[in-house]
């Protein structure tokens, strides 16, 4: 049974990347609908799929609060709430990557933990017409002053390393050191600089377009925005990244995880973790064990994107377990069929 990947708005449910991408469950208007309606919808997903991973946009804190309330009322440890520190388009890309992985033989706990790992391989930013109200990255006084000059444009990288430059022919942002596709969501600003300057400087393998998420203007502090995101499109590469990390068992709830935190245990309201109980109704014992950090690795055999698998060392407690890529075939969840993972970035 595949794990359900849910999103909190329709524009976070990007079109499938490939034929293996699972559909997203859209939890629409969570903060405005009656509480019992949202509770019934989530309960249906849990009953149908067993586990649910909800990807929330950081631009909608009210939605996350409502979902945490619903999860507490359900008293369920089968719902993971994950709010990545990414702009709306980056969150949508991450949700789609989890939807891709949901078709593989990956347990719910590992899949939920994979969200934190894959975040390190996403480069998300925007082209802005003003930075006067931008509070996501540091903005100096000179940039604030230039915001009042008609026609000014700013290239901003929000993740993984905040950076702000004035957009122009010679402007550059630090990009990924491995092959990625670039997704562009054009808003009120033309995307010419993104597609004509940024994409070549980042050596993008391809460029795709999508509508601008509704939360983007609020996240970036201006309606004059065109958002972009560089990402790994290939399911086989995503699968290799996740399965190359050592798995362990959460001492709190007993689920398999990667990294130092079980997303299902920590998905409740802040401070609730100490009240979680195990399946026998008795207080759970212990906490998470210590995890090691990834060594600064090198590119692995069969890796078409030149990924440094130790690139996230120091940013998350992940430890390499296997030394090579996965086999050509993987067991997808769901109908029990077996087949080779897709090999091309186009999907």
Protein backbone atom coordinates (compact mmCIF):
# COMPACT_ATOMS: atom_id res chain seq x y z
CA UNK A 1 0.00 0.00 0.00
CA UNK A 2 1.60 3.32 -1.08
CA UNK A 3 1.88 6.16 1.40
CA UNK A 4 -0.40 9.10 0.59
CA UNK A 5 1.30 12.42 -0.18
CA UNK A 6 -1.03 15.33 0.55
CA UNK A 7 -0.61 19.04 -0.14
CA UNK A 8 -2.51 21.99 1.28
CA UNK A 9 -3.42 23.73 -1.97
CA UNK A 10 -4.01 22.73 -5.57
CA UNK A 11 -1.03 24.71 -6.89
CA UNK A 12 1.30 22.60 -4.74
CA UNK A 13 0.16 19.54 -6.71
CA UNK A 14 2.40 19.82 -9.78
CA UNK A 15 1.74 17.67 -12.85
CA UNK A 16 3.36 14.19 -12.69
CA UNK A 17 7.08 14.11 -13.45
CA UNK A 18 6.84 10.63 -14.95
CA UNK A 19 4.46 7.70 -15.26
CA UNK A 20 5.36 6.47 -11.78
CA UNK A 21 4.46 9.70 -9.96
CA UNK A 22 1.62 9.12 -7.51
CA UNK A 23 -1.29 11.59 -7.50
CA UNK A 24 -1.39 14.14 -4.71
CA UNK A 25 -4.24 14.36 -2.23
CA UNK A 26 -5.26 18.03 -2.08
CA UNK A 27 -6.47 19.28 1.31
CA UNK A 28 -8.11 22.46 0.10
CA UNK A 29 -9.03 25.41 2.39
CA UNK A 30 -8.04 23.58 5.56
CA UNK A 31 -8.07 26.77 7.64
CA UNK A 32 -11.51 27.86 6.40
CA UNK A 33 -13.53 24.65 6.25
CA UNK A 34 -15.33 23.22 9.30
CA UNK A 35 -13.02 21.26 11.57
CA UNK A 36 -15.06 18.07 11.36
CA UNK A 37 -14.90 18.12 7.55
CA UNK A 38 -11.11 18.31 7.56
CA UNK A 39 -10.93 15.61 10.22
CA UNK A 40 -13.14 13.28 8.17
CA UNK A 41 -11.04 13.89 5.04
CA UNK A 42 -7.79 13.05 6.81
CA UNK A 43 -9.33 10.00 8.46
CA UNK A 44 -10.41 8.74 5.05
CA UNK A 45 -6.86 9.10 3.75
CA UNK A 46 -5.45 7.23 6.75
CA UNK A 47 -8.00 4.44 6.34
CA UNK A 48 -7.24 4.16 2.62
CA UNK A 49 -3.44 4.45 2.64
CA UNK A 50 -2.33 3.65 6.18
CA UNK A 51 0.04 6.64 6.45
CA UNK A 52 -0.27 10.22 5.20
CA UNK A 53 2.52 12.77 4.67
CA UNK A 54 1.21 16.34 4.40
CA UNK A 55 3.51 18.93 2.80
CA UNK A 56 2.60 22.41 4.02
CA UNK A 57 3.71 25.73 2.58
CA UNK A 58 5.69 27.94 4.95
CA UNK A 59 3.57 30.84 3.68
CA UNK A 60 0.43 29.42 5.36
CA UNK A 61 1.05 28.99 9.12
CA UNK A 62 -2.70 28.96 9.86
CA UNK A 63 -3.08 25.84 7.73
CA UNK A 64 -0.35 24.04 9.63
CA UNK A 65 -1.89 24.98 12.98
CA UNK A 66 -5.28 23.65 11.90
CA UNK A 67 -3.73 20.37 10.71
CA UNK A 68 -1.89 19.94 14.01
CA UNK A 69 -5.18 20.45 15.83
CA UNK A 70 -6.88 17.83 13.66
CA UNK A 71 -4.03 15.37 14.15
CA UNK A 72 -4.25 15.77 17.92
CA UNK A 73 -7.99 15.18 17.87
CA UNK A 74 -7.45 12.01 15.83
CA UNK A 75 -4.71 10.85 18.26
CA UNK A 76 -2.94 9.37 15.27
CA UNK A 77 0.77 8.72 14.72
CA UNK A 78 0.10 7.92 11.06
CA UNK A 79 0.02 11.54 9.88
CA UNK A 80 3.28 13.39 9.27
CA UNK A 81 3.18 17.17 8.85
CA UNK A 82 6.19 18.50 6.99
CA UNK A 83 6.76 22.22 6.41
CA UNK A 84 10.04 22.61 4.49
CA UNK A 85 11.88 25.90 4.71
CA UNK A 86 11.34 26.48 1.01
CA UNK A 87 9.41 29.02 -1.08
CA UNK A 88 6.03 27.80 -2.39
CA UNK A 89 7.40 26.54 -5.71
CA UNK A 90 10.21 24.68 -3.94
CA UNK A 91 7.69 23.07 -1.59
CA UNK A 92 5.64 21.95 -4.59
CA UNK A 93 8.73 20.42 -6.22
CA UNK A 94 9.62 18.59 -3.01
CA UNK A 95 6.08 17.25 -2.70
CA UNK A 96 6.30 15.90 -6.26
CA UNK A 97 9.60 14.18 -5.50
CA UNK A 98 7.96 12.46 -2.53
CA UNK A 99 5.09 11.46 -4.83
CA UNK A 100 7.66 9.90 -7.17
CA UNK A 101 9.28 7.96 -4.34
CA UNK A 102 5.90 6.83 -2.98
CA UNK A 103 5.68 4.37 -5.89
CA UNK A 104 8.81 2.54 -4.70
CA UNK A 105 9.45 0.02 -1.93
CA UNK A 106 10.16 2.69 0.69
CA UNK A 107 8.56 2.50 4.13
CA UNK A 108 6.38 5.42 5.36
CA UNK A 109 8.90 6.52 8.00
CA UNK A 110 11.81 6.57 5.57
CA UNK A 111 9.71 8.36 2.94
CA UNK A 112 8.68 11.03 5.45
CA UNK A 113 12.29 11.45 6.59
CA UNK A 114 13.40 11.74 2.96
CA UNK A 115 11.79 15.15 2.74
CA UNK A 116 14.48 16.68 4.95
CA UNK A 117 17.23 14.96 2.97
CA UNK A 118 15.97 15.97 -0.48
CA UNK A 119 15.58 19.59 0.61
CA UNK A 120 19.38 19.89 0.49
CA UNK A 121 19.31 19.21 -3.27
CA UNK A 122 16.79 21.94 -4.16
CA UNK A 123 17.84 25.43 -5.23
CA UNK A 124 14.91 27.83 -4.95
CA UNK A 125 14.70 31.54 -5.63
CA UNK A 126 12.89 34.28 -7.48
CA UNK A 127 13.21 37.32 -9.68
CA UNK A 128 11.67 40.26 -7.81
CA UNK A 129 10.67 43.78 -8.79
CA UNK A 130 11.03 44.99 -5.21
CA UNK A 131 12.72 43.84 -2.01
CA UNK A 132 11.23 46.52 0.24
CA UNK A 133 9.07 43.93 2.05
CA UNK A 134 11.31 40.90 1.63
CA UNK A 135 12.11 39.30 5.00
CA UNK A 136 13.21 35.83 3.88
CA UNK A 137 16.82 36.78 3.07
CA UNK A 138 19.04 39.61 4.34
CA UNK A 139 18.50 42.87 2.42
CA UNK A 140 20.96 45.76 2.75
CA UNK A 141 20.04 49.45 2.65
CA UNK A 142 21.36 49.87 -0.89
CA UNK A 143 19.02 47.15 -2.19
CA UNK A 144 16.11 48.73 -0.31
CA UNK A 145 16.89 52.08 -1.94
CA UNK A 146 17.12 50.53 -5.40
CA UNK A 147 13.65 49.04 -4.92
CA UNK A 148 12.25 52.55 -5.46
CA UNK A 149 13.98 52.94 -8.83
CA UNK A 150 11.51 52.13 -11.64
CA UNK A 151 12.41 49.00 -13.56
CA UNK A 152 14.76 47.56 -10.95
CA UNK A 153 14.89 43.79 -10.70
CA UNK A 154 16.55 41.59 -8.12
CA UNK A 155 17.63 37.96 -8.34
CA UNK A 156 17.17 36.26 -4.98
CA UNK A 157 18.21 32.79 -3.87
CA UNK A 158 16.35 31.67 -0.75
CA UNK A 159 17.66 28.10 -0.49
CA UNK A 160 20.12 26.53 0.16
CA UNK A 161 22.21 29.69 0.63
CA UNK A 162 20.47 33.09 0.88
CA UNK A 163 21.80 35.48 -1.74
CA UNK A 164 20.55 38.71 -3.34
CA UNK A 165 21.97 40.45 -6.41
CA UNK A 166 20.67 43.04 -8.82
CA UNK A 167 19.48 41.23 -11.91
CA UNK A 168 21.34 42.05 -15.10
CA UNK A 169 23.52 40.53 -17.84
CA UNK A 170 26.48 39.91 -15.50
CA UNK A 171 24.50 38.94 -12.40
CA UNK A 172 24.97 35.43 -11.04
CA UNK A 173 23.62 33.28 -8.23
CA UNK A 174 25.40 30.21 -6.79
CA UNK A 175 23.85 27.18 -8.43
CA UNK A 176 23.85 23.41 -8.01
CA UNK A 177 27.03 21.46 -8.62
CA UNK A 178 25.10 18.63 -10.25
CA UNK A 179 22.74 18.37 -13.19
CA UNK A 180 19.21 19.65 -12.59
CA UNK A 181 16.11 20.76 -14.41
CA UNK A 182 14.79 24.28 -13.84
CA UNK A 183 11.12 24.90 -13.13
CA UNK A 184 9.96 28.48 -13.75
CA UNK A 185 6.70 30.03 -12.51
CA UNK A 186 6.26 33.35 -14.29
CA UNK A 187 4.26 36.02 -12.50
CA UNK A 188 4.08 39.76 -13.09
CA UNK A 189 7.73 39.92 -14.12
CA UNK A 190 8.94 38.48 -17.45
CA UNK A 191 11.05 35.34 -17.03
CA UNK A 192 13.65 36.42 -19.63
CA UNK A 193 16.51 36.78 -17.12
CA UNK A 194 15.71 33.41 -15.55
CA UNK A 195 15.54 31.48 -18.81
CA UNK A 196 18.18 33.45 -20.70
CA UNK A 197 20.83 34.07 -18.04
CA UNK A 198 20.23 31.93 -14.95
CA UNK A 199 19.42 28.64 -16.69
CA UNK A 200 22.62 28.60 -18.81
CA UNK A 201 24.80 29.67 -15.84
CA UNK A 202 23.36 26.79 -13.80
CA UNK A 203 23.86 24.37 -16.72
CA UNK A 204 20.21 23.37 -16.51
CA UNK A 205 19.45 20.15 -18.40
CA UNK A 206 16.06 21.56 -19.31
CA UNK A 207 13.54 24.26 -18.45
CA UNK A 208 9.87 23.78 -17.72
CA UNK A 209 7.15 26.28 -16.88
CA UNK A 210 4.27 26.15 -14.42
CA UNK A 211 1.74 28.65 -13.04
CA UNK A 212 2.88 30.80 -10.11
CA UNK A 213 1.65 29.40 -6.76
CA UNK A 214 -0.94 31.58 -5.03
CA UNK A 215 1.22 31.89 -1.90
CA UNK A 216 4.28 33.18 -3.76
CA UNK A 217 3.52 36.94 -3.60
CA UNK A 218 2.98 36.75 0.17
CA UNK A 219 6.13 34.65 0.68
CA UNK A 220 8.33 37.00 -1.36
CA UNK A 221 6.69 40.22 -0.15
CA UNK A 222 5.71 41.49 -3.61
CA UNK A 223 3.39 40.68 -6.48
CA UNK A 224 6.18 41.48 -8.94
CA UNK A 225 7.71 38.02 -8.83
CA UNK A 226 8.78 35.16 -11.06
CA UNK A 227 9.78 32.11 -9.07
CA UNK A 228 12.28 29.41 -10.08
CA UNK A 229 13.48 26.12 -8.67
CA UNK A 230 16.28 23.73 -9.72
CA UNK A 231 15.59 20.09 -8.90
CA UNK A 232 16.54 16.48 -9.54
CA UNK A 233 13.89 14.99 -11.83
CA UNK A 234 15.04 11.38 -12.14
CA UNK A 235 13.32 8.85 -9.87
CA UNK A 236 16.29 6.48 -9.99
CA UNK A 237 18.58 9.21 -8.63
CA UNK A 238 16.10 10.16 -5.89
CA UNK A 239 15.75 6.50 -4.96
CA UNK A 240 19.51 6.09 -4.77
CA UNK A 241 19.88 9.14 -2.55
CA UNK A 242 17.31 7.91 -0.06
CA UNK A 243 18.27 4.23 0.02
CA UNK A 244 21.98 5.03 0.37
CA UNK A 245 21.36 6.45 3.84
CA UNK A 246 21.48 4.16 6.86
CA UNK A 247 18.07 3.34 8.27
CA UNK A 248 17.31 2.95 11.96
CA UNK A 249 14.29 2.35 14.13
CA UNK A 250 12.67 5.18 16.02
CA UNK A 251 12.87 4.31 19.72
CA UNK A 252 9.75 6.32 20.33
CA UNK A 253 7.19 4.81 17.93
CA UNK A 254 9.10 1.91 16.36
CA UNK A 255 8.94 3.10 12.75
CA UNK A 256 11.94 2.93 10.37
CA UNK A 257 13.54 6.33 9.75
CA UNK A 258 16.62 7.99 8.27
CA UNK A 259 18.31 10.90 9.98
CA UNK A 260 17.88 11.93 13.59
CA UNK A 261 14.16 12.67 13.74
CA UNK A 262 11.00 10.69 13.12
CA UNK A 263 8.64 12.94 11.23
CA UNK A 264 5.58 11.02 12.41
CA UNK A 265 6.49 11.43 16.09
CA UNK A 266 7.31 15.10 15.72
CA UNK A 267 4.23 15.84 13.65
CA UNK A 268 2.05 16.65 16.68
CA UNK A 269 1.77 20.03 18.42
CA UNK A 270 4.98 21.36 19.91
CA UNK A 271 5.55 19.72 23.28
CA UNK A 272 3.27 16.80 22.46
CA UNK A 273 6.17 14.42 21.82
CA UNK A 274 6.53 13.75 25.54
CA UNK A 275 2.93 12.50 25.66
CA UNK A 276 3.17 10.00 22.81
CA UNK A 277 2.51 6.39 23.72
CA UNK A 278 3.43 3.12 22.10
CA UNK A 279 1.02 0.58 20.62
CA UNK A 280 0.33 -1.00 24.03
CA UNK A 281 -0.92 2.29 25.47
CA UNK A 282 2.05 2.66 27.81
CA UNK A 283 4.49 5.56 27.72
CA UNK A 284 7.05 5.08 24.96
CA UNK A 285 10.61 4.50 26.11
CA UNK A 286 13.64 6.56 25.25
CA UNK A 287 14.21 8.98 22.41
CA UNK A 288 16.08 9.04 19.17
CA UNK A 289 19.55 7.58 19.11
CA UNK A 290 22.55 9.52 17.97
CA UNK A 291 23.17 9.62 14.23
CA UNK A 292 26.42 10.20 12.40
CA UNK A 293 26.99 12.75 9.68
CA UNK A 294 27.64 11.96 6.05
CA UNK A 295 31.28 12.11 5.04
CA UNK A 296 32.11 14.42 2.18
CA UNK A 297 31.49 11.86 -0.54
CA UNK A 298 32.32 11.65 -4.19
CA UNK A 299 30.18 10.90 -7.21
CA UNK A 300 28.98 7.33 -7.35
CA UNK A 301 29.08 4.94 -10.30
CA UNK A 302 26.07 5.18 -12.56
CA UNK A 303 25.23 8.70 -11.41
CA UNK A 304 24.30 10.77 -14.51
CA UNK A 305 23.91 14.02 -12.58
CA UNK A 306 27.35 14.26 -10.95
CA UNK A 307 25.80 14.45 -7.49
CA UNK A 308 28.08 14.71 -4.49
CA UNK A 309 26.29 12.39 -2.11
CA UNK A 310 28.00 13.98 0.88
CA UNK A 311 26.91 17.46 -0.17
CA UNK A 312 24.52 17.79 2.75
CA UNK A 313 27.20 16.82 5.30
CA UNK A 314 27.07 19.11 8.27
CA UNK A 315 23.47 20.16 7.50
CA UNK A 316 21.73 16.95 8.53
CA UNK A 317 22.61 13.80 10.45
CA UNK A 318 22.56 11.27 7.65
CA UNK A 319 24.92 8.33 7.37
CA UNK A 320 25.75 6.43 4.21
CA UNK A 321 24.97 2.73 4.45
CA UNK A 322 25.47 1.27 0.99
CA UNK A 323 28.36 2.10 -1.26
CA UNK A 324 26.75 1.88 -4.68
CA UNK A 325 23.60 2.67 -6.62
CA UNK A 326 20.47 0.50 -6.31
CA UNK A 327 19.73 -2.35 -8.66
CA UNK A 328 18.14 -1.56 -11.99
CA UNK A 329 14.74 -2.74 -10.74
CA UNK A 330 12.88 -1.69 -7.62
CA UNK A 331 9.68 -2.89 -6.04
CA UNK A 332 6.96 -0.27 -6.37
CA UNK A 333 4.31 -0.08 -3.73
CA UNK A 334 0.69 -0.69 -4.56
CA UNK A 335 -0.31 -3.30 -7.10
CA UNK A 336 2.75 -5.52 -6.62
CA UNK A 337 4.00 -5.04 -10.17
CA UNK A 338 7.74 -4.91 -10.73
CA UNK A 339 9.68 -2.95 -13.29
CA UNK A 340 12.78 -0.90 -14.00
CA UNK A 341 13.00 2.61 -12.64
CA UNK A 342 12.87 5.36 -15.29
CA UNK A 343 16.32 6.47 -16.38
CA UNK A 344 15.79 9.82 -18.10
CA UNK A 345 15.30 13.28 -16.63
CA UNK A 346 12.45 14.10 -18.90
CA UNK A 347 10.10 11.59 -17.30
